[in-house]
């Protein structure tokens, strides 16, 4: 649909604080999938090129990191 104009984008901030039900943006499957679709389709090129940065605000447990990020193996 191309409704989101990302050319001037320089910073993406994610609030990682747990909500009242202990969910974060990455522990909700549909939200996590939506973020990674956006990242892979648009943000990855900008981040790798040094034209944009990602910021994760709030406490994140090691358990949550392992759920979300692919292993380095």
PDB file of N, CA and C in Angstrom:
ATOM      1  N   UNK A   1       0.822  -1.187   0.000  1.00  0.00           N
ATOM      2  CA  UNK A   1       0.000   0.000   0.000  1.00  0.00           C
ATOM      3  C   UNK A   1       0.874   1.262   0.000  1.00  0.00           C
ATOM      4  N   UNK A   2       2.090   1.147   0.563  1.00  0.00           N
ATOM      5  CA  UNK A   2       3.045   2.251   0.545  1.00  0.00           C
ATOM      6  C   UNK A   2       2.495   3.520   1.199  1.00  0.00           C
ATOM      7  N   UNK A   3       1.688   3.355   2.246  1.00  0.00           N
ATOM      8  CA  UNK A   3       1.079   4.505   2.914  1.00  0.00           C
ATOM      9  C   UNK A   3       2.012   5.145   3.939  1.00  0.00           C
ATOM     10  N   UNK A   4       3.074   4.473   4.284  1.00  0.00           N
ATOM     11  CA  UNK A   4       4.006   4.975   5.283  1.00  0.00           C
ATOM     12  C   UNK A   4       5.280   5.450   4.584  1.00  0.00           C
ATOM     13  N   UNK A   5       5.583   6.725   4.696  1.00  0.00           N
ATOM     14  CA  UNK A   5       6.751   7.302   4.043  1.00  0.00           C
ATOM     15  C   UNK A   5       7.928   7.232   4.999  1.00  0.00           C
ATOM     16  N   UNK A   6       8.917   6.396   4.684  1.00  0.00           N
ATOM     17  CA  UNK A   6      10.032   6.144   5.590  1.00  0.00           C
ATOM     18  C   UNK A   6      11.321   6.867   5.203  1.00  0.00           C
ATOM     19  N   UNK A   7      11.327   7.618   4.131  1.00  0.00           N
ATOM     20  CA  UNK A   7      12.554   8.286   3.685  1.00  0.00           C
ATOM     21  C   UNK A   7      13.185   9.174   4.754  1.00  0.00           C
ATOM     22  N   UNK A   8      12.423  10.010   5.460  1.00  0.00           N
ATOM     23  CA  UNK A   8      13.061  10.879   6.456  1.00  0.00           C
ATOM     24  C   UNK A   8      13.320  10.204   7.809  1.00  0.00           C
ATOM     25  N   UNK A   9      12.946   8.933   7.943  1.00  0.00           N
ATOM     26  CA  UNK A   9      13.070   8.224   9.216  1.00  0.00           C
ATOM     27  C   UNK A   9      14.522   8.109   9.660  1.00  0.00           C
ATOM     28  N   UNK A  10      14.797   8.498  10.902  1.00  0.00           N
ATOM     29  CA  UNK A  10      16.153   8.417  11.457  1.00  0.00           C
ATOM     30  C   UNK A  10      16.227   7.555  12.713  1.00  0.00           C
ATOM     31  N   UNK A  11      15.119   7.441  13.453  1.00  0.00           N
ATOM     32  CA  UNK A  11      15.120   6.729  14.723  1.00  0.00           C
ATOM     33  C   UNK A  11      13.787   6.034  14.943  1.00  0.00           C
ATOM     34  N   UNK A  12      13.862   4.762  15.342  1.00  0.00           N
ATOM     35  CA  UNK A  12      12.670   3.995  15.706  1.00  0.00           C
ATOM     36  C   UNK A  12      12.846   3.618  17.169  1.00  0.00           C
ATOM     37  N   UNK A  13      11.912   4.028  18.018  1.00  0.00           N
ATOM     38  CA  UNK A  13      11.974   3.743  19.454  1.00  0.00           C
ATOM     39  C   UNK A  13      10.872   2.751  19.805  1.00  0.00           C
ATOM     40  N   UNK A  14      11.257   1.678  20.464  1.00  0.00           N
ATOM     41  CA  UNK A  14      10.304   0.661  20.914  1.00  0.00           C
ATOM     42  C   UNK A  14      10.218   0.706  22.430  1.00  0.00           C
ATOM     43  N   UNK A  15       9.012   0.849  22.938  1.00  0.00           N
ATOM     44  CA  UNK A  15       8.784   0.814  24.379  1.00  0.00           C
ATOM     45  C   UNK A  15       8.698  -0.651  24.788  1.00  0.00           C
ATOM     46  N   UNK A  16       9.687  -1.136  25.508  1.00  0.00           N
ATOM     47  CA  UNK A  16       9.753  -2.537  25.887  1.00  0.00           C
ATOM     48  C   UNK A  16       9.225  -2.800  27.298  1.00  0.00           C
ATOM     49  N   UNK A  17       8.650  -1.802  27.924  1.00  0.00           N
ATOM     50  CA  UNK A  17       8.088  -1.972  29.265  1.00  0.00           C
ATOM     51  C   UNK A  17       6.916  -2.937  29.207  1.00  0.00           C
ATOM     52  N   UNK A  18       6.838  -3.830  30.164  1.00  0.00           N
ATOM     53  CA  UNK A  18       5.714  -4.780  30.226  1.00  0.00           C
ATOM     54  C   UNK A  18       4.432  -4.045  30.609  1.00  0.00           C
ATOM     55  N   UNK A  19       3.316  -4.465  29.997  1.00  0.00           N
ATOM     56  CA  UNK A  19       2.040  -3.864  30.331  1.00  0.00           C
ATOM     57  C   UNK A  19       1.417  -4.570  31.535  1.00  0.00           C
ATOM     58  N   UNK A  20       0.174  -4.259  31.855  1.00  0.00           N
ATOM     59  CA  UNK A  20      -0.495  -4.823  33.038  1.00  0.00           C
ATOM     60  C   UNK A  20      -0.604  -6.347  32.978  1.00  0.00           C
ATOM     61  N   UNK A  21      -0.620  -6.910  31.779  1.00  0.00           N
ATOM     62  CA  UNK A  21      -0.701  -8.366  31.625  1.00  0.00           C
ATOM     63  C   UNK A  21       0.669  -8.993  31.348  1.00  0.00           C
ATOM     64  N   UNK A  22       1.732  -8.221  31.561  1.00  0.00           N
ATOM     65  CA  UNK A  22       3.118  -8.665  31.378  1.00  0.00           C
ATOM     66  C   UNK A  22       3.504  -8.922  29.924  1.00  0.00           C
ATOM     67  N   UNK A  23       2.828  -8.272  29.002  1.00  0.00           N
ATOM     68  CA  UNK A  23       3.189  -8.387  27.595  1.00  0.00           C
ATOM     69  C   UNK A  23       4.111  -7.243  27.191  1.00  0.00           C
ATOM     70  N   UNK A  24       4.971  -7.508  26.222  1.00  0.00           N
ATOM     71  CA  UNK A  24       5.776  -6.470  25.588  1.00  0.00           C
ATOM     72  C   UNK A  24       5.451  -6.495  24.097  1.00  0.00           C
ATOM     73  N   UNK A  25       6.030  -5.579  23.357  1.00  0.00           N
ATOM     74  CA  UNK A  25       5.804  -5.571  21.913  1.00  0.00           C
ATOM     75  C   UNK A  25       6.246  -6.864  21.255  1.00  0.00           C
ATOM     76  N   UNK A  26       7.262  -7.505  21.813  1.00  0.00           N
ATOM     77  CA  UNK A  26       7.782  -8.715  21.190  1.00  0.00           C
ATOM     78  C   UNK A  26       7.234 -10.003  21.777  1.00  0.00           C
ATOM     79  N   UNK A  27       6.457  -9.957  22.843  1.00  0.00           N
ATOM     80  CA  UNK A  27       5.883 -11.199  23.365  1.00  0.00           C
ATOM     81  C   UNK A  27       4.480 -11.435  22.814  1.00  0.00           C
ATOM     82  N   UNK A  28       3.937 -10.475  22.106  1.00  0.00           N
ATOM     83  CA  UNK A  28       2.661 -10.667  21.425  1.00  0.00           C
ATOM     84  C   UNK A  28       2.956 -11.100  19.987  1.00  0.00           C
ATOM     85  N   UNK A  29       2.605 -12.332  19.625  1.00  0.00           N
ATOM     86  CA  UNK A  29       3.014 -12.871  18.317  1.00  0.00           C
ATOM     87  C   UNK A  29       2.636 -12.001  17.118  1.00  0.00           C
ATOM     88  N   UNK A  30       1.423 -11.478  17.070  1.00  0.00           N
ATOM     89  CA  UNK A  30       1.004 -10.688  15.894  1.00  0.00           C
ATOM     90  C   UNK A  30       1.758  -9.359  15.812  1.00  0.00           C
ATOM     91  N   UNK A  31       2.095  -8.788  16.951  1.00  0.00           N
ATOM     92  CA  UNK A  31       2.864  -7.537  16.964  1.00  0.00           C
ATOM     93  C   UNK A  31       4.308  -7.811  16.579  1.00  0.00           C
ATOM     94  N   UNK A  32       4.869  -8.885  17.128  1.00  0.00           N
ATOM     95  CA  UNK A  32       6.252  -9.260  16.805  1.00  0.00           C
ATOM     96  C   UNK A  32       6.395  -9.523  15.309  1.00  0.00           C
ATOM     97  N   UNK A  33       5.459 -10.278  14.739  1.00  0.00           N
ATOM     98  CA  UNK A  33       5.511 -10.577  13.306  1.00  0.00           C
ATOM     99  C   UNK A  33       5.400  -9.297  12.484  1.00  0.00           C
ATOM    100  N   UNK A  34       4.495  -8.412  12.867  1.00  0.00           N
ATOM    101  CA  UNK A  34       4.340  -7.149  12.148  1.00  0.00           C
ATOM    102  C   UNK A  34       5.607  -6.317  12.179  1.00  0.00           C
ATOM    103  N   UNK A  35       6.267  -6.272  13.347  1.00  0.00           N
ATOM    104  CA  UNK A  35       7.510  -5.521  13.446  1.00  0.00           C
ATOM    105  C   UNK A  35       8.567  -6.114  12.530  1.00  0.00           C
ATOM    106  N   UNK A  36       8.760  -7.446  12.573  1.00  0.00           N
ATOM    107  CA  UNK A  36       9.805  -8.055  11.754  1.00  0.00           C
ATOM    108  C   UNK A  36       9.509  -7.926  10.271  1.00  0.00           C
ATOM    109  N   UNK A  37       8.245  -7.973   9.888  1.00  0.00           N
ATOM    110  CA  UNK A  37       7.888  -7.735   8.485  1.00  0.00           C
ATOM    111  C   UNK A  37       8.292  -6.328   8.063  1.00  0.00           C
ATOM    112  N   UNK A  38       7.983  -5.351   8.907  1.00  0.00           N
ATOM    113  CA  UNK A  38       8.368  -3.965   8.635  1.00  0.00           C
ATOM    114  C   UNK A  38       9.882  -3.826   8.605  1.00  0.00           C
ATOM    115  N   UNK A  39      10.547  -4.441   9.574  1.00  0.00           N
ATOM    116  CA  UNK A  39      12.006  -4.344   9.640  1.00  0.00           C
ATOM    117  C   UNK A  39      12.655  -4.929   8.391  1.00  0.00           C
ATOM    118  N   UNK A  40      12.285  -6.150   8.052  1.00  0.00           N
ATOM    119  CA  UNK A  40      12.907  -6.821   6.911  1.00  0.00           C
ATOM    120  C   UNK A  40      12.596  -6.110   5.599  1.00  0.00           C
ATOM    121  N   UNK A  41      11.378  -5.592   5.480  1.00  0.00           N
ATOM    122  CA  UNK A  41      10.959  -4.967   4.234  1.00  0.00           C
ATOM    123  C   UNK A  41      11.466  -3.552   4.019  1.00  0.00           C
ATOM    124  N   UNK A  42      11.700  -2.805   5.120  1.00  0.00           N
ATOM    125  CA  UNK A  42      12.018  -1.389   4.969  1.00  0.00           C
ATOM    126  C   UNK A  42      13.168  -0.901   5.846  1.00  0.00           C
ATOM    127  N   UNK A  43      13.179  -1.290   7.099  1.00  0.00           N
ATOM    128  CA  UNK A  43      14.129  -0.707   8.040  1.00  0.00           C
ATOM    129  C   UNK A  43      15.527  -1.302   7.951  1.00  0.00           C
ATOM    130  N   UNK A  44      15.637  -2.570   7.611  1.00  0.00           N
ATOM    131  CA  UNK A  44      16.925  -3.241   7.589  1.00  0.00           C
ATOM    132  C   UNK A  44      17.933  -2.492   6.718  1.00  0.00           C
ATOM    133  N   UNK A  45      17.519  -2.086   5.535  1.00  0.00           N
ATOM    134  CA  UNK A  45      18.413  -1.360   4.615  1.00  0.00           C
ATOM    135  C   UNK A  45      18.884  -0.050   5.232  1.00  0.00           C
ATOM    136  N   UNK A  46      17.972   0.673   5.869  1.00  0.00           N
ATOM    137  CA  UNK A  46      18.324   1.959   6.470  1.00  0.00           C
ATOM    138  C   UNK A  46      19.259   1.780   7.664  1.00  0.00           C
ATOM    139  N   UNK A  47      19.007   0.772   8.485  1.00  0.00           N
ATOM    140  CA  UNK A  47      19.848   0.533   9.666  1.00  0.00           C
ATOM    141  C   UNK A  47      21.241   0.085   9.228  1.00  0.00           C
ATOM    142  N   UNK A  48      21.316  -0.878   8.332  1.00  0.00           N
ATOM    143  CA  UNK A  48      22.611  -1.370   7.860  1.00  0.00           C
ATOM    144  C   UNK A  48      23.393  -0.287   7.129  1.00  0.00           C
ATOM    145  N   UNK A  49      22.697   0.613   6.475  1.00  0.00           N
ATOM    146  CA  UNK A  49      23.351   1.702   5.764  1.00  0.00           C
ATOM    147  C   UNK A  49      23.756   2.854   6.665  1.00  0.00           C
ATOM    148  N   UNK A  50      23.377   2.786   7.952  1.00  0.00           N
ATOM    149  CA  UNK A  50      23.726   3.839   8.898  1.00  0.00           C
ATOM    150  C   UNK A  50      22.828   5.061   8.819  1.00  0.00           C
ATOM    151  N   UNK A  51      21.689   4.918   8.119  1.00  0.00           N
ATOM    152  CA  UNK A  51      20.772   6.042   7.953  1.00  0.00           C
ATOM    153  C   UNK A  51      19.642   6.072   8.979  1.00  0.00           C
ATOM    154  N   UNK A  52      19.545   5.025   9.792  1.00  0.00           N
ATOM    155  CA  UNK A  52      18.509   4.964  10.829  1.00  0.00           C
ATOM    156  C   UNK A  52      19.034   4.114  11.983  1.00  0.00           C
ATOM    157  N   UNK A  53      18.437   4.310  13.151  1.00  0.00           N
ATOM    158  CA  UNK A  53      18.816   3.548  14.348  1.00  0.00           C
ATOM    159  C   UNK A  53      17.572   3.009  15.031  1.00  0.00           C
ATOM    160  N   UNK A  54      17.768   1.904  15.750  1.00  0.00           N
ATOM    161  CA  UNK A  54      16.704   1.324  16.567  1.00  0.00           C
ATOM    162  C   UNK A  54      17.061   1.560  18.024  1.00  0.00           C
ATOM    163  N   UNK A  55      16.057   1.904  18.818  1.00  0.00           N
ATOM    164  CA  UNK A  55      16.249   2.103  20.246  1.00  0.00           C
ATOM    165  C   UNK A  55      15.183   1.307  20.973  1.00  0.00           C
ATOM    166  N   UNK A  56      15.612   0.478  21.909  1.00  0.00           N
ATOM    167  CA  UNK A  56      14.689  -0.310  22.722  1.00  0.00           C
ATOM    168  C   UNK A  56      14.701   0.286  24.119  1.00  0.00           C
ATOM    169  N   UNK A  57      13.577   0.867  24.525  1.00  0.00           N
ATOM    170  CA  UNK A  57      13.470   1.575  25.792  1.00  0.00           C
ATOM    171  C   UNK A  57      12.774   0.693  26.812  1.00  0.00           C
ATOM    172  N   UNK A  58      13.383   0.534  27.988  1.00  0.00           N
ATOM    173  CA  UNK A  58      12.762  -0.248  29.059  1.00  0.00           C
ATOM    174  C   UNK A  58      13.539  -1.519  29.308  1.00  0.00           C
ATOM    175  N   UNK A  59      13.159  -2.212  30.353  1.00  0.00           N
ATOM    176  CA  UNK A  59      13.852  -3.435  30.733  1.00  0.00           C
ATOM    177  C   UNK A  59      13.440  -4.602  29.871  1.00  0.00           C
ATOM    178  N   UNK A  60      14.418  -5.366  29.421  1.00  0.00           N
ATOM    179  CA  UNK A  60      14.167  -6.561  28.624  1.00  0.00           C
ATOM    180  C   UNK A  60      14.915  -7.708  29.276  1.00  0.00           C
ATOM    181  N   UNK A  61      14.203  -8.803  29.514  1.00  0.00           N
ATOM    182  CA  UNK A  61      14.849  -9.958  30.134  1.00  0.00           C
ATOM    183  C   UNK A  61      15.610 -10.770  29.091  1.00  0.00           C
ATOM    184  N   UNK A  62      16.585 -11.512  29.545  1.00  0.00           N
ATOM    185  CA  UNK A  62      17.355 -12.378  28.638  1.00  0.00           C
ATOM    186  C   UNK A  62      16.431 -13.402  27.984  1.00  0.00           C
ATOM    187  N   UNK A  63      15.438 -13.865  28.725  1.00  0.00           N
ATOM    188  CA  UNK A  63      14.462 -14.828  28.208  1.00  0.00           C
ATOM    189  C   UNK A  63      13.716 -14.237  27.011  1.00  0.00           C
ATOM    190  N   UNK A  64      13.295 -12.975  27.128  1.00  0.00           N
ATOM    191  CA  UNK A  64      12.589 -12.323  26.021  1.00  0.00           C
ATOM    192  C   UNK A  64      13.496 -12.129  24.810  1.00  0.00           C
ATOM    193  N   UNK A  65      14.747 -11.800  25.064  1.00  0.00           N
ATOM    194  CA  UNK A  65      15.698 -11.609  23.963  1.00  0.00           C
ATOM    195  C   UNK A  65      15.869 -12.912  23.193  1.00  0.00           C
ATOM    196  N   UNK A  66      15.996 -14.022  23.899  1.00  0.00           N
ATOM    197  CA  UNK A  66      16.175 -15.316  23.252  1.00  0.00           C
ATOM    198  C   UNK A  66      14.945 -15.732  22.458  1.00  0.00           C
ATOM    199  N   UNK A  67      13.756 -15.312  22.890  1.00  0.00           N
ATOM    200  CA  UNK A  67      12.524 -15.612  22.158  1.00  0.00           C
ATOM    201  C   UNK A  67      12.472 -14.891  20.823  1.00  0.00           C
ATOM    202  N   UNK A  68      12.989 -13.693  20.808  1.00  0.00           N
ATOM    203  CA  UNK A  68      12.800 -12.812  19.671  1.00  0.00           C
ATOM    204  C   UNK A  68      13.930 -12.860  18.654  1.00  0.00           C
ATOM    205  N   UNK A  69      15.161 -12.824  19.140  1.00  0.00           N
ATOM    206  CA  UNK A  69      16.304 -12.754  18.238  1.00  0.00           C
ATOM    207  C   UNK A  69      16.752 -14.141  17.816  1.00  0.00           C
ATOM    208  N   UNK A  70      17.117 -14.298  16.552  1.00  0.00           N
ATOM    209  CA  UNK A  70      17.628 -15.594  16.128  1.00  0.00           C
ATOM    210  C   UNK A  70      18.951 -15.899  16.806  1.00  0.00           C
ATOM    211  N   UNK A  71      19.215 -17.174  17.011  1.00  0.00           N
ATOM    212  CA  UNK A  71      20.467 -17.538  17.693  1.00  0.00           C
ATOM    213  C   UNK A  71      21.653 -17.236  16.783  1.00  0.00           C
ATOM    214  N   UNK A  72      22.795 -17.016  17.399  1.00  0.00           N
ATOM    215  CA  UNK A  72      24.002 -16.659  16.672  1.00  0.00           C
ATOM    216  C   UNK A  72      24.703 -17.911  16.108  1.00  0.00           C
ATOM    217  N   UNK A  73      24.142 -19.069  16.336  1.00  0.00           N
ATOM    218  CA  UNK A  73      24.766 -20.321  15.888  1.00  0.00           C
ATOM    219  C   UNK A  73      24.666 -20.486  14.397  1.00  0.00           C
TER     220      UNK A  73
END
